[in-house]
């Protein structure tokens, strides 16, 4: 997998500063990861139940195909960063001021 360098100025222009942009992209990557984990578990759950009935320790082809499909998807960090760079994310910064 080739590494694609990014211009820091381009990433920084999407948020207040580079650190904020990295945090936004990382939080989105975590959201994507959680969504994918949930989807994977929902798709594999029926297969696990049928394997328990057969007492097979062999990995089924269906489980393997699902795993390979998820492995070939774009990495969540790359997807989060691309969404930020393509202006597909909306975010707001919490103010540090506390109201009395």
N, C-alpha and C. Protein backbone atom coordinates (compact mmCIF):
# COMPACT_ATOMS: atom_id res chain seq x y z
N UNK A 1 0.85 -1.17 0.00
CA UNK A 1 0.00 0.00 0.00
C UNK A 1 0.89 1.23 0.00
N UNK A 2 0.80 2.05 -1.04
CA UNK A 2 1.65 3.24 -1.12
C UNK A 2 1.21 4.30 -0.11
N UNK A 3 2.17 5.05 0.36
CA UNK A 3 1.91 6.14 1.29
C UNK A 3 1.75 7.42 0.48
N UNK A 4 0.64 8.12 0.72
CA UNK A 4 0.37 9.35 -0.02
C UNK A 4 0.63 10.53 0.91
N UNK A 5 1.64 11.33 0.62
CA UNK A 5 1.91 12.48 1.49
C UNK A 5 0.83 13.55 1.32
N UNK A 6 0.59 14.28 2.39
CA UNK A 6 -0.40 15.36 2.38
C UNK A 6 0.28 16.68 2.69
N UNK A 7 -0.28 17.72 2.14
CA UNK A 7 0.22 19.06 2.45
C UNK A 7 -0.37 19.48 3.79
N UNK A 8 0.50 19.83 4.73
CA UNK A 8 0.05 20.24 6.07
C UNK A 8 -0.87 21.45 5.97
N UNK A 9 -0.57 22.38 5.09
CA UNK A 9 -1.38 23.58 4.96
C UNK A 9 -2.80 23.25 4.53
N UNK A 10 -2.94 22.25 3.66
CA UNK A 10 -4.26 21.85 3.20
C UNK A 10 -5.09 21.26 4.35
N UNK A 11 -4.47 20.42 5.15
CA UNK A 11 -5.16 19.82 6.30
C UNK A 11 -5.49 20.91 7.32
N UNK A 12 -4.54 21.78 7.58
CA UNK A 12 -4.73 22.84 8.57
C UNK A 12 -5.83 23.81 8.15
N UNK A 13 -6.02 24.01 6.86
CA UNK A 13 -7.03 24.95 6.39
C UNK A 13 -8.45 24.48 6.67
N UNK A 14 -8.63 23.20 6.98
CA UNK A 14 -9.96 22.65 7.22
C UNK A 14 -10.41 22.84 8.67
N UNK A 15 -9.52 23.30 9.53
CA UNK A 15 -9.85 23.52 10.94
C UNK A 15 -9.05 24.72 11.43
N UNK A 16 -9.16 25.01 12.71
CA UNK A 16 -8.45 26.15 13.27
C UNK A 16 -6.95 26.02 13.23
N UNK A 17 -6.46 24.81 13.45
CA UNK A 17 -5.02 24.53 13.38
C UNK A 17 -4.83 23.05 13.07
N UNK A 18 -3.60 22.63 12.89
CA UNK A 18 -3.32 21.25 12.47
C UNK A 18 -3.74 20.24 13.53
N UNK A 19 -3.59 20.59 14.80
CA UNK A 19 -3.94 19.67 15.88
C UNK A 19 -5.44 19.43 15.92
N UNK A 20 -6.20 20.49 15.73
CA UNK A 20 -7.65 20.38 15.70
C UNK A 20 -8.09 19.50 14.52
N UNK A 21 -7.47 19.69 13.37
CA UNK A 21 -7.80 18.90 12.19
C UNK A 21 -7.51 17.42 12.41
N UNK A 22 -6.40 17.13 13.05
CA UNK A 22 -6.04 15.73 13.33
C UNK A 22 -7.04 15.11 14.30
N UNK A 23 -7.45 15.86 15.31
CA UNK A 23 -8.43 15.35 16.29
C UNK A 23 -9.77 15.07 15.61
N UNK A 24 -10.20 15.98 14.75
CA UNK A 24 -11.47 15.79 14.04
C UNK A 24 -11.41 14.54 13.16
N UNK A 25 -10.34 14.39 12.41
CA UNK A 25 -10.19 13.21 11.53
C UNK A 25 -10.11 11.93 12.35
N UNK A 26 -9.42 11.96 13.49
CA UNK A 26 -9.30 10.78 14.34
C UNK A 26 -10.63 10.39 14.96
N UNK A 27 -11.41 11.38 15.40
CA UNK A 27 -12.73 11.07 15.97
C UNK A 27 -13.65 10.47 14.91
N UNK A 28 -13.58 10.99 13.70
CA UNK A 28 -14.40 10.43 12.63
C UNK A 28 -13.94 9.01 12.31
N UNK A 29 -12.64 8.76 12.33
CA UNK A 29 -12.13 7.41 12.08
C UNK A 29 -12.64 6.44 13.15
N UNK A 30 -12.70 6.88 14.41
CA UNK A 30 -13.24 6.03 15.47
C UNK A 30 -14.71 5.72 15.23
N UNK A 31 -15.48 6.73 14.78
CA UNK A 31 -16.89 6.50 14.48
C UNK A 31 -17.05 5.47 13.36
N UNK A 32 -16.27 5.62 12.32
CA UNK A 32 -16.32 4.69 11.19
C UNK A 32 -15.95 3.29 11.66
N UNK A 33 -14.91 3.19 12.48
CA UNK A 33 -14.47 1.90 13.00
C UNK A 33 -15.58 1.22 13.81
N UNK A 34 -16.25 2.00 14.66
CA UNK A 34 -17.34 1.44 15.47
C UNK A 34 -18.49 0.96 14.57
N UNK A 35 -18.81 1.73 13.53
CA UNK A 35 -19.87 1.34 12.60
C UNK A 35 -19.49 0.04 11.87
N UNK A 36 -18.24 -0.05 11.44
CA UNK A 36 -17.80 -1.26 10.73
C UNK A 36 -17.77 -2.48 11.65
N UNK A 37 -17.37 -2.27 12.89
CA UNK A 37 -17.34 -3.37 13.85
C UNK A 37 -18.74 -3.91 14.08
N UNK A 38 -19.71 -3.00 14.22
CA UNK A 38 -21.10 -3.39 14.42
C UNK A 38 -21.62 -4.14 13.19
N UNK A 39 -21.32 -3.63 12.01
CA UNK A 39 -21.76 -4.29 10.78
C UNK A 39 -21.15 -5.68 10.65
N UNK A 40 -19.86 -5.79 10.96
CA UNK A 40 -19.18 -7.09 10.88
C UNK A 40 -19.83 -8.10 11.83
N UNK A 41 -20.05 -7.68 13.07
CA UNK A 41 -20.64 -8.58 14.05
C UNK A 41 -22.05 -9.00 13.66
N UNK A 42 -22.83 -8.10 13.07
CA UNK A 42 -24.18 -8.44 12.63
C UNK A 42 -24.15 -9.44 11.48
N UNK A 43 -23.18 -9.32 10.61
CA UNK A 43 -23.09 -10.23 9.47
C UNK A 43 -22.53 -11.59 9.85
N UNK A 44 -21.67 -11.63 10.87
CA UNK A 44 -21.02 -12.89 11.25
C UNK A 44 -21.85 -13.66 12.29
N UNK A 45 -22.68 -12.97 13.05
CA UNK A 45 -23.43 -13.60 14.13
C UNK A 45 -24.24 -14.83 13.68
N UNK A 46 -25.00 -14.76 12.58
CA UNK A 46 -25.73 -15.97 12.17
C UNK A 46 -24.80 -17.13 11.82
N UNK A 47 -23.64 -16.82 11.30
CA UNK A 47 -22.69 -17.87 10.94
C UNK A 47 -22.09 -18.52 12.18
N UNK A 48 -21.88 -17.73 13.22
CA UNK A 48 -21.32 -18.27 14.46
C UNK A 48 -22.32 -19.21 15.12
N UNK A 49 -23.60 -18.84 15.10
CA UNK A 49 -24.63 -19.69 15.70
C UNK A 49 -24.72 -21.03 15.00
N UNK A 50 -24.61 -21.04 13.67
CA UNK A 50 -24.68 -22.30 12.95
C UNK A 50 -23.43 -23.13 13.20
N UNK A 51 -22.27 -22.50 13.41
CA UNK A 51 -21.05 -23.23 13.70
C UNK A 51 -21.12 -23.87 15.09
N UNK A 52 -21.77 -23.21 16.04
CA UNK A 52 -21.89 -23.77 17.39
C UNK A 52 -22.71 -25.05 17.36
N UNK A 53 -23.70 -25.12 16.48
CA UNK A 53 -24.53 -26.31 16.38
C UNK A 53 -23.73 -27.49 15.83
N UNK A 54 -22.80 -27.22 14.94
CA UNK A 54 -22.03 -28.29 14.30
C UNK A 54 -20.76 -28.63 15.06
N UNK A 55 -20.38 -27.83 16.03
CA UNK A 55 -19.14 -28.00 16.79
C UNK A 55 -17.91 -28.04 15.88
N UNK A 56 -17.94 -27.28 14.80
CA UNK A 56 -16.81 -27.22 13.89
C UNK A 56 -15.82 -26.16 14.38
N UNK A 57 -14.55 -26.49 14.32
CA UNK A 57 -13.52 -25.51 14.66
C UNK A 57 -12.90 -24.91 13.40
N UNK A 58 -13.35 -25.35 12.26
CA UNK A 58 -12.83 -24.87 10.99
C UNK A 58 -13.54 -23.57 10.63
N UNK A 59 -12.78 -22.61 10.12
CA UNK A 59 -13.35 -21.34 9.70
C UNK A 59 -14.13 -21.56 8.40
N UNK A 60 -15.39 -21.15 8.39
CA UNK A 60 -16.20 -21.36 7.19
C UNK A 60 -15.80 -20.38 6.10
N UNK A 61 -16.12 -20.73 4.86
CA UNK A 61 -15.80 -19.87 3.73
C UNK A 61 -16.58 -18.56 3.81
N UNK A 62 -17.80 -18.62 4.33
CA UNK A 62 -18.60 -17.40 4.45
C UNK A 62 -17.94 -16.40 5.38
N UNK A 63 -17.47 -16.89 6.53
CA UNK A 63 -16.78 -16.00 7.47
C UNK A 63 -15.51 -15.44 6.85
N UNK A 64 -14.80 -16.27 6.15
CA UNK A 64 -13.56 -15.85 5.50
C UNK A 64 -13.83 -14.78 4.45
N UNK A 65 -14.89 -14.97 3.65
CA UNK A 65 -15.24 -13.99 2.62
C UNK A 65 -15.62 -12.65 3.23
N UNK A 66 -16.35 -12.68 4.33
CA UNK A 66 -16.72 -11.44 5.02
C UNK A 66 -15.47 -10.75 5.56
N UNK A 67 -14.57 -11.51 6.15
CA UNK A 67 -13.34 -10.94 6.69
C UNK A 67 -12.49 -10.31 5.59
N UNK A 68 -12.37 -10.99 4.47
CA UNK A 68 -11.58 -10.47 3.36
C UNK A 68 -12.21 -9.18 2.82
N UNK A 69 -13.54 -9.15 2.76
CA UNK A 69 -14.22 -7.94 2.29
C UNK A 69 -13.90 -6.75 3.19
N UNK A 70 -13.92 -6.96 4.50
CA UNK A 70 -13.64 -5.87 5.43
C UNK A 70 -12.16 -5.46 5.38
N UNK A 71 -11.28 -6.40 5.12
CA UNK A 71 -9.86 -6.07 5.03
C UNK A 71 -9.53 -5.26 3.78
N UNK A 72 -10.30 -5.43 2.72
CA UNK A 72 -10.01 -4.71 1.48
C UNK A 72 -10.60 -3.30 1.48
N UNK A 73 -11.43 -2.98 2.46
CA UNK A 73 -12.00 -1.63 2.53
C UNK A 73 -10.91 -0.63 2.88
N UNK A 74 -11.19 0.64 2.55
CA UNK A 74 -10.27 1.71 2.89
C UNK A 74 -10.12 1.79 4.41
N UNK A 75 -8.92 2.02 4.87
CA UNK A 75 -8.67 2.13 6.31
C UNK A 75 -9.45 3.31 6.89
N UNK A 76 -9.88 3.15 8.13
CA UNK A 76 -10.75 4.16 8.74
C UNK A 76 -10.04 5.50 8.92
N UNK A 77 -8.76 5.48 9.22
CA UNK A 77 -8.04 6.75 9.38
C UNK A 77 -7.95 7.50 8.06
N UNK A 78 -7.71 6.77 6.99
CA UNK A 78 -7.64 7.38 5.67
C UNK A 78 -9.01 7.93 5.26
N UNK A 79 -10.04 7.18 5.57
CA UNK A 79 -11.39 7.62 5.22
C UNK A 79 -11.78 8.88 6.00
N UNK A 80 -11.46 8.91 7.30
CA UNK A 80 -11.75 10.09 8.11
C UNK A 80 -11.03 11.32 7.61
N UNK A 81 -9.77 11.15 7.26
CA UNK A 81 -8.98 12.27 6.74
C UNK A 81 -9.51 12.73 5.39
N UNK A 82 -9.87 11.80 4.53
CA UNK A 82 -10.43 12.17 3.22
C UNK A 82 -11.75 12.92 3.37
N UNK A 83 -12.59 12.48 4.31
CA UNK A 83 -13.85 13.19 4.54
C UNK A 83 -13.59 14.61 5.01
N UNK A 84 -12.60 14.79 5.86
CA UNK A 84 -12.25 16.14 6.31
C UNK A 84 -11.75 16.99 5.16
N UNK A 85 -10.87 16.45 4.34
CA UNK A 85 -10.29 17.20 3.23
C UNK A 85 -11.31 17.52 2.14
N UNK A 86 -12.33 16.67 1.99
CA UNK A 86 -13.35 16.88 0.96
C UNK A 86 -14.56 17.64 1.50
N UNK A 87 -14.42 18.23 2.67
CA UNK A 87 -15.49 19.02 3.30
C UNK A 87 -16.77 18.23 3.49
N UNK A 88 -16.66 16.96 3.84
CA UNK A 88 -17.83 16.13 4.08
C UNK A 88 -18.16 16.04 5.56
N UNK A 89 -17.37 16.69 6.40
CA UNK A 89 -17.60 16.64 7.84
C UNK A 89 -18.05 18.00 8.35
N UNK A 90 -18.96 17.96 9.29
CA UNK A 90 -19.34 19.17 10.01
C UNK A 90 -18.94 18.95 11.46
N UNK A 91 -18.28 19.93 12.03
CA UNK A 91 -17.86 19.79 13.42
C UNK A 91 -17.88 21.16 14.07
N UNK A 92 -17.93 21.13 15.38
CA UNK A 92 -17.86 22.38 16.13
C UNK A 92 -16.90 22.17 17.29
N UNK A 93 -16.29 23.25 17.69
CA UNK A 93 -15.31 23.21 18.77
C UNK A 93 -16.01 23.67 20.04
N UNK A 94 -15.85 22.89 21.08
CA UNK A 94 -16.40 23.30 22.37
C UNK A 94 -15.62 24.46 22.92
N UNK A 95 -16.34 25.42 23.45
CA UNK A 95 -15.62 26.54 24.05
C UNK A 95 -15.19 26.15 25.45
N UNK A 96 -14.04 26.63 25.85
CA UNK A 96 -13.50 26.30 27.16
C UNK A 96 -14.06 27.18 28.25
N UNK A 97 -14.79 28.22 27.86
CA UNK A 97 -15.38 29.13 28.85
C UNK A 97 -16.55 28.43 29.53
N UNK A 98 -16.64 28.57 30.82
CA UNK A 98 -17.76 28.01 31.56
C UNK A 98 -18.73 29.10 31.90
N UNK A 99 -20.00 28.77 31.77
CA UNK A 99 -21.00 29.77 32.09
C UNK A 99 -21.33 29.71 33.58
N UNK A 100 -21.48 30.86 34.21
CA UNK A 100 -21.79 30.91 35.64
C UNK A 100 -23.28 30.91 35.88
